[in-house]
Amino acid sequence: MVENKTYIQILRLSGVLERTGLKRATIYAFIAARKFPAAIPLDGILRRSRNGYNPVKRQGGEP
């Protein structure tokens, strides 16, 4: 039996530019026209967790 698996890969903008051969302005124009996926703000998630606002409960019961 053959399984089809789909993997999602998150790239930095520089990687997207390299792989597509498009310019930064073109990528942003495509995002605005909803012809290209929007950016995922990963730094906000990391900043919140470093400042203690991580919604995942830690051992000991304190969030």
C-alpha atoms as a PDB file:
ATOM      1  CA  MET A   1       0.000   0.000   0.000  1.00  0.00           C
ATOM      2  CA  VAL A   2       1.321   3.439  -0.960  1.00  0.00           C
ATOM      3  CA  GLU A   3       0.637   6.357   1.362  1.00  0.00           C
ATOM      4  CA  ASN A   4       0.461   9.904   0.084  1.00  0.00           C
ATOM      5  CA  LYS A   5       1.803  12.311   2.668  1.00  0.00           C
ATOM      6  CA  THR A   6       1.838  16.059   2.363  1.00  0.00           C
ATOM      7  CA  TYR A   7       4.506  17.990   4.201  1.00  0.00           C
ATOM      8  CA  ILE A   8       4.409  21.702   4.897  1.00  0.00           C
ATOM      9  CA  GLN A   9       7.732  23.469   4.853  1.00  0.00           C
ATOM     10  CA  ILE A  10       8.120  26.938   6.355  1.00  0.00           C
ATOM     11  CA  LEU A  11      10.708  29.046   4.552  1.00  0.00           C
ATOM     12  CA  ARG A  12      12.279  32.374   5.314  1.00  0.00           C
ATOM     13  CA  LEU A  13      11.662  35.089   2.745  1.00  0.00           C
ATOM     14  CA  SER A  14      15.207  34.690   1.406  1.00  0.00           C
ATOM     15  CA  GLY A  15      14.500  31.007   0.729  1.00  0.00           C
ATOM     16  CA  VAL A  16      11.249  31.851  -1.061  1.00  0.00           C
ATOM     17  CA  LEU A  17      13.048  34.411  -3.234  1.00  0.00           C
ATOM     18  CA  GLU A  18      15.762  31.880  -4.074  1.00  0.00           C
ATOM     19  CA  ARG A  19      13.362  29.047  -4.907  1.00  0.00           C
ATOM     20  CA  THR A  20      10.874  31.094  -6.930  1.00  0.00           C
ATOM     21  CA  GLY A  21      13.255  33.490  -8.665  1.00  0.00           C
ATOM     22  CA  LEU A  22      10.816  36.308  -7.907  1.00  0.00           C
ATOM     23  CA  LYS A  23      11.636  39.685  -6.401  1.00  0.00           C
ATOM     24  CA  ARG A  24      10.512  40.742  -2.915  1.00  0.00           C
ATOM     25  CA  ALA A  25       8.018  43.303  -4.288  1.00  0.00           C
ATOM     26  CA  THR A  26       6.448  40.650  -6.522  1.00  0.00           C
ATOM     27  CA  ILE A  27       6.019  38.258  -3.600  1.00  0.00           C
ATOM     28  CA  TYR A  28       4.321  40.990  -1.527  1.00  0.00           C
ATOM     29  CA  ALA A  29       2.088  41.920  -4.481  1.00  0.00           C
ATOM     30  CA  PHE A  30       1.036  38.265  -4.816  1.00  0.00           C
ATOM     31  CA  ILE A  31       0.336  38.098  -1.066  1.00  0.00           C
ATOM     32  CA  ALA A  32      -1.829  41.240  -1.316  1.00  0.00           C
ATOM     33  CA  ALA A  33      -3.722  39.700  -4.256  1.00  0.00           C
ATOM     34  CA  ARG A  34      -4.100  36.440  -2.264  1.00  0.00           C
ATOM     35  CA  LYS A  35      -2.192  34.525  -4.956  1.00  0.00           C
ATOM     36  CA  PHE A  36       0.578  33.557  -2.532  1.00  0.00           C
ATOM     37  CA  PRO A  37       0.442  32.406   1.124  1.00  0.00           C
ATOM     38  CA  ALA A  38       0.848  35.151   3.711  1.00  0.00           C
ATOM     39  CA  ALA A  39       3.762  35.256   6.133  1.00  0.00           C
ATOM     40  CA  ILE A  40       3.582  33.360   9.411  1.00  0.00           C
ATOM     41  CA  PRO A  41       4.816  35.536  12.312  1.00  0.00           C
ATOM     42  CA  LEU A  42       6.987  33.036  14.192  1.00  0.00           C
ATOM     43  CA  ASP A  43       8.961  35.630  16.154  1.00  0.00           C
ATOM     44  CA  GLY A  44       5.870  36.773  18.062  1.00  0.00           C
ATOM     45  CA  ILE A  45       5.255  33.231  19.269  1.00  0.00           C
ATOM     46  CA  LEU A  46       8.835  32.885  20.499  1.00  0.00           C
ATOM     47  CA  ARG A  47       8.860  36.316  22.153  1.00  0.00           C
ATOM     48  CA  ARG A  48       5.682  35.565  24.095  1.00  0.00           C
ATOM     49  CA  SER A  49       7.036  32.252  25.350  1.00  0.00           C
ATOM     50  CA  ARG A  50      10.334  33.843  26.485  1.00  0.00           C
ATOM     51  CA  ASN A  51       8.427  36.491  28.448  1.00  0.00           C
ATOM     52  CA  GLY A  52       6.358  33.906  30.296  1.00  0.00           C
ATOM     53  CA  TYR A  53       3.145  34.298  28.288  1.00  0.00           C
ATOM     54  CA  ASN A  54       3.321  30.801  26.850  1.00  0.00           C
ATOM     55  CA  PRO A  55      -0.166  29.271  27.009  1.00  0.00           C
ATOM     56  CA  VAL A  56       1.276  25.766  27.484  1.00  0.00           C
ATOM     57  CA  LYS A  57       1.219  24.756  31.141  1.00  0.00           C
ATOM     58  CA  ARG A  58       4.555  23.916  32.681  1.00  0.00           C
ATOM     59  CA  GLN A  59       5.077  21.168  35.214  1.00  0.00           C
ATOM     60  CA  GLY A  60       4.026  22.277  38.668  1.00  0.00           C
ATOM     61  CA  GLY A  61       0.702  23.722  37.493  1.00  0.00           C
ATOM     62  CA  GLU A  62       1.857  27.308  36.906  1.00  0.00           C
ATOM     63  CA  PRO A  63       1.221  28.583  33.342  1.00  0.00           C
END
